[in-house]
Amino acid sequence: MDEQQDLFAAKHERDKALVQVEKNAESYPDQAMKVVVKMAGIMTGEDIRLHVERQIGSPHHHNAWGAIINKALRSGLIHKTGRYVSMKTPKSHARATPEYRRHQL
């Protein structure tokens, strides 16, 4: 029976965490997009991440960056240039990443 109670407790904690993720996921991308709107020129997702983090801090999880970049692409805020460039931070190991263009409105 103790094992079953632990399962219920674990599911309860999981559900609480998912609610928190949803709350963070709703607000952080919106805040990030407000920062990206003010950017202009040629950039990578890494450049966007570094600039946004300097302005508003980090998201609750690093996977939020994929959603943020995709949202910027889908909304037409940034456009792929067709080029790939090496990332610059040591943690990125100089992997190739798409280059984007943001036109200032």
C-alpha atoms as a PDB file:
ATOM      1  CA  MET A   1       0.000   0.000   0.000  1.00  0.00           C
ATOM      2  CA  ASP A   2       2.857   2.381   0.724  1.00  0.00           C
ATOM      3  CA  GLU A   3       4.072   1.866  -2.817  1.00  0.00           C
ATOM      4  CA  GLN A   4       0.645   2.894  -4.152  1.00  0.00           C
ATOM      5  CA  GLN A   5       0.614   6.023  -1.983  1.00  0.00           C
ATOM      6  CA  ASP A   6       4.029   6.931  -3.324  1.00  0.00           C
ATOM      7  CA  LEU A   7       2.685   6.569  -6.847  1.00  0.00           C
ATOM      8  CA  PHE A   8      -0.176   8.953  -6.081  1.00  0.00           C
ATOM      9  CA  ALA A   9       2.209  11.401  -4.443  1.00  0.00           C
ATOM     10  CA  ALA A  10       4.569  11.171  -7.412  1.00  0.00           C
ATOM     11  CA  LYS A  11       1.738  11.815  -9.872  1.00  0.00           C
ATOM     12  CA  HIS A  12       0.530  14.736  -7.776  1.00  0.00           C
ATOM     13  CA  GLU A  13       4.006  16.296  -7.767  1.00  0.00           C
ATOM     14  CA  ARG A  14       4.331  15.671 -11.509  1.00  0.00           C
ATOM     15  CA  ASP A  15       1.020  17.425 -12.141  1.00  0.00           C
ATOM     16  CA  LYS A  16       2.050  20.391  -9.992  1.00  0.00           C
ATOM     17  CA  ALA A  17       5.307  20.661 -11.928  1.00  0.00           C
ATOM     18  CA  LEU A  18       3.477  20.533 -15.267  1.00  0.00           C
ATOM     19  CA  VAL A  19       1.183  23.361 -14.180  1.00  0.00           C
ATOM     20  CA  GLN A  20       4.244  25.421 -13.243  1.00  0.00           C
ATOM     21  CA  VAL A  21       5.870  24.657 -16.598  1.00  0.00           C
ATOM     22  CA  GLU A  22       2.712  25.785 -18.393  1.00  0.00           C
ATOM     23  CA  LYS A  23       2.647  29.041 -16.422  1.00  0.00           C
ATOM     24  CA  ASN A  24       6.307  29.716 -17.189  1.00  0.00           C
ATOM     25  CA  ALA A  25       5.954  28.605 -20.800  1.00  0.00           C
ATOM     26  CA  GLU A  26       3.104  31.052 -21.328  1.00  0.00           C
ATOM     27  CA  SER A  27       4.864  34.103 -19.978  1.00  0.00           C
ATOM     28  CA  TYR A  28       8.532  33.659 -20.881  1.00  0.00           C
ATOM     29  CA  PRO A  29       8.078  33.237 -24.660  1.00  0.00           C
ATOM     30  CA  ASP A  30       5.872  36.322 -24.760  1.00  0.00           C
ATOM     31  CA  GLN A  31       8.497  38.313 -22.870  1.00  0.00           C
ATOM     32  CA  ALA A  32      11.228  36.933 -25.129  1.00  0.00           C
ATOM     33  CA  MET A  33       9.319  37.920 -28.260  1.00  0.00           C
ATOM     34  CA  LYS A  34       9.091  41.505 -26.994  1.00  0.00           C
ATOM     35  CA  VAL A  35      12.900  41.546 -26.804  1.00  0.00           C
ATOM     36  CA  VAL A  36      13.353  39.905 -30.227  1.00  0.00           C
ATOM     37  CA  VAL A  37      11.089  42.539 -31.819  1.00  0.00           C
ATOM     38  CA  LYS A  38      13.669  45.165 -30.852  1.00  0.00           C
ATOM     39  CA  MET A  39      16.570  43.280 -32.456  1.00  0.00           C
ATOM     40  CA  ALA A  40      17.697  43.939 -36.041  1.00  0.00           C
ATOM     41  CA  GLY A  41      20.169  42.548 -38.525  1.00  0.00           C
ATOM     42  CA  ILE A  42      21.723  39.125 -38.998  1.00  0.00           C
ATOM     43  CA  MET A  43      21.632  36.734 -36.051  1.00  0.00           C
ATOM     44  CA  THR A  44      21.490  33.126 -34.970  1.00  0.00           C
ATOM     45  CA  GLY A  45      19.257  31.462 -32.414  1.00  0.00           C
ATOM     46  CA  GLU A  46      22.273  31.549 -30.118  1.00  0.00           C
ATOM     47  CA  ASP A  47      22.544  35.326 -30.568  1.00  0.00           C
ATOM     48  CA  ILE A  48      18.856  35.675 -29.789  1.00  0.00           C
ATOM     49  CA  ARG A  49      19.182  33.473 -26.709  1.00  0.00           C
ATOM     50  CA  LEU A  50      22.147  35.397 -25.343  1.00  0.00           C
ATOM     51  CA  HIS A  51      20.528  38.778 -25.964  1.00  0.00           C
ATOM     52  CA  VAL A  52      17.176  37.756 -24.473  1.00  0.00           C
ATOM     53  CA  GLU A  53      18.808  36.179 -21.413  1.00  0.00           C
ATOM     54  CA  ARG A  54      20.742  39.405 -20.775  1.00  0.00           C
ATOM     55  CA  GLN A  55      17.462  41.316 -20.879  1.00  0.00           C
ATOM     56  CA  ILE A  56      15.036  39.069 -18.983  1.00  0.00           C
ATOM     57  CA  GLY A  57      16.964  36.081 -17.646  1.00  0.00           C
ATOM     58  CA  SER A  58      16.722  32.403 -18.562  1.00  0.00           C
ATOM     59  CA  PRO A  59      13.573  30.363 -19.203  1.00  0.00           C
ATOM     60  CA  HIS A  60      12.454  27.596 -16.853  1.00  0.00           C
ATOM     61  CA  HIS A  61      13.978  25.016 -19.234  1.00  0.00           C
ATOM     62  CA  HIS A  62      16.471  25.254 -22.071  1.00  0.00           C
ATOM     63  CA  ASN A  63      14.032  23.525 -24.450  1.00  0.00           C
ATOM     64  CA  ALA A  64      11.966  26.713 -24.435  1.00  0.00           C
ATOM     65  CA  TRP A  65      14.425  28.177 -26.961  1.00  0.00           C
ATOM     66  CA  GLY A  66      13.276  25.908 -29.769  1.00  0.00           C
ATOM     67  CA  ALA A  67       9.693  27.032 -29.232  1.00  0.00           C
ATOM     68  CA  ILE A  68      10.715  30.689 -29.080  1.00  0.00           C
ATOM     69  CA  ILE A  69      12.754  30.544 -32.305  1.00  0.00           C
ATOM     70  CA  ASN A  70       9.975  28.627 -34.073  1.00  0.00           C
ATOM     71  CA  LYS A  71       7.408  31.172 -32.905  1.00  0.00           C
ATOM     72  CA  ALA A  72       9.580  34.017 -34.242  1.00  0.00           C
ATOM     73  CA  LEU A  73       9.895  32.194 -37.589  1.00  0.00           C
ATOM     74  CA  ARG A  74       6.189  31.356 -37.886  1.00  0.00           C
ATOM     75  CA  SER A  75       5.177  34.912 -37.054  1.00  0.00           C
ATOM     76  CA  GLY A  76       7.524  36.316 -39.706  1.00  0.00           C
ATOM     77  CA  LEU A  77       9.566  38.151 -37.107  1.00  0.00           C
ATOM     78  CA  ILE A  78      12.762  36.499 -38.336  1.00  0.00           C
ATOM     79  CA  HIS A  79      13.560  34.852 -41.676  1.00  0.00           C
ATOM     80  CA  LYS A  80      16.157  32.229 -42.568  1.00  0.00           C
ATOM     81  CA  THR A  81      18.941  33.536 -44.784  1.00  0.00           C
ATOM     82  CA  GLY A  82      19.758  30.050 -46.061  1.00  0.00           C
ATOM     83  CA  ARG A  83      23.223  30.168 -44.512  1.00  0.00           C
ATOM     84  CA  TYR A  84      24.565  28.150 -41.600  1.00  0.00           C
ATOM     85  CA  VAL A  85      27.272  29.477 -39.313  1.00  0.00           C
ATOM     86  CA  SER A  86      29.207  28.072 -36.366  1.00  0.00           C
ATOM     87  CA  MET A  87      27.883  28.736 -32.896  1.00  0.00           C
ATOM     88  CA  LYS A  88      30.238  30.645 -30.607  1.00  0.00           C
ATOM     89  CA  THR A  89      29.672  29.571 -27.004  1.00  0.00           C
ATOM     90  CA  PRO A  90      31.957  26.768 -25.743  1.00  0.00           C
ATOM     91  CA  LYS A  91      28.961  24.671 -24.698  1.00  0.00           C
ATOM     92  CA  SER A  92      27.726  24.704 -28.320  1.00  0.00           C
ATOM     93  CA  HIS A  93      30.921  23.081 -29.647  1.00  0.00           C
ATOM     94  CA  ALA A  94      30.906  25.290 -32.778  1.00  0.00           C
ATOM     95  CA  ARG A  95      27.972  23.338 -34.279  1.00  0.00           C
ATOM     96  CA  ALA A  96      26.373  24.702 -37.412  1.00  0.00           C
ATOM     97  CA  THR A  97      23.200  26.706 -36.823  1.00  0.00           C
ATOM     98  CA  PRO A  98      20.847  28.570 -39.155  1.00  0.00           C
ATOM     99  CA  GLU A  99      21.370  32.270 -39.689  1.00  0.00           C
ATOM    100  CA  TYR A 100      18.344  34.573 -39.505  1.00  0.00           C
ATOM    101  CA  ARG A 101      17.579  38.130 -40.573  1.00  0.00           C
ATOM    102  CA  ARG A 102      15.424  40.481 -38.562  1.00  0.00           C
ATOM    103  CA  HIS A 103      14.292  43.672 -40.237  1.00  0.00           C
ATOM    104  CA  GLN A 104      13.641  46.536 -37.845  1.00  0.00           C
ATOM    105  CA  LEU A 105      10.123  47.909 -38.319  1.00  0.00           C
END
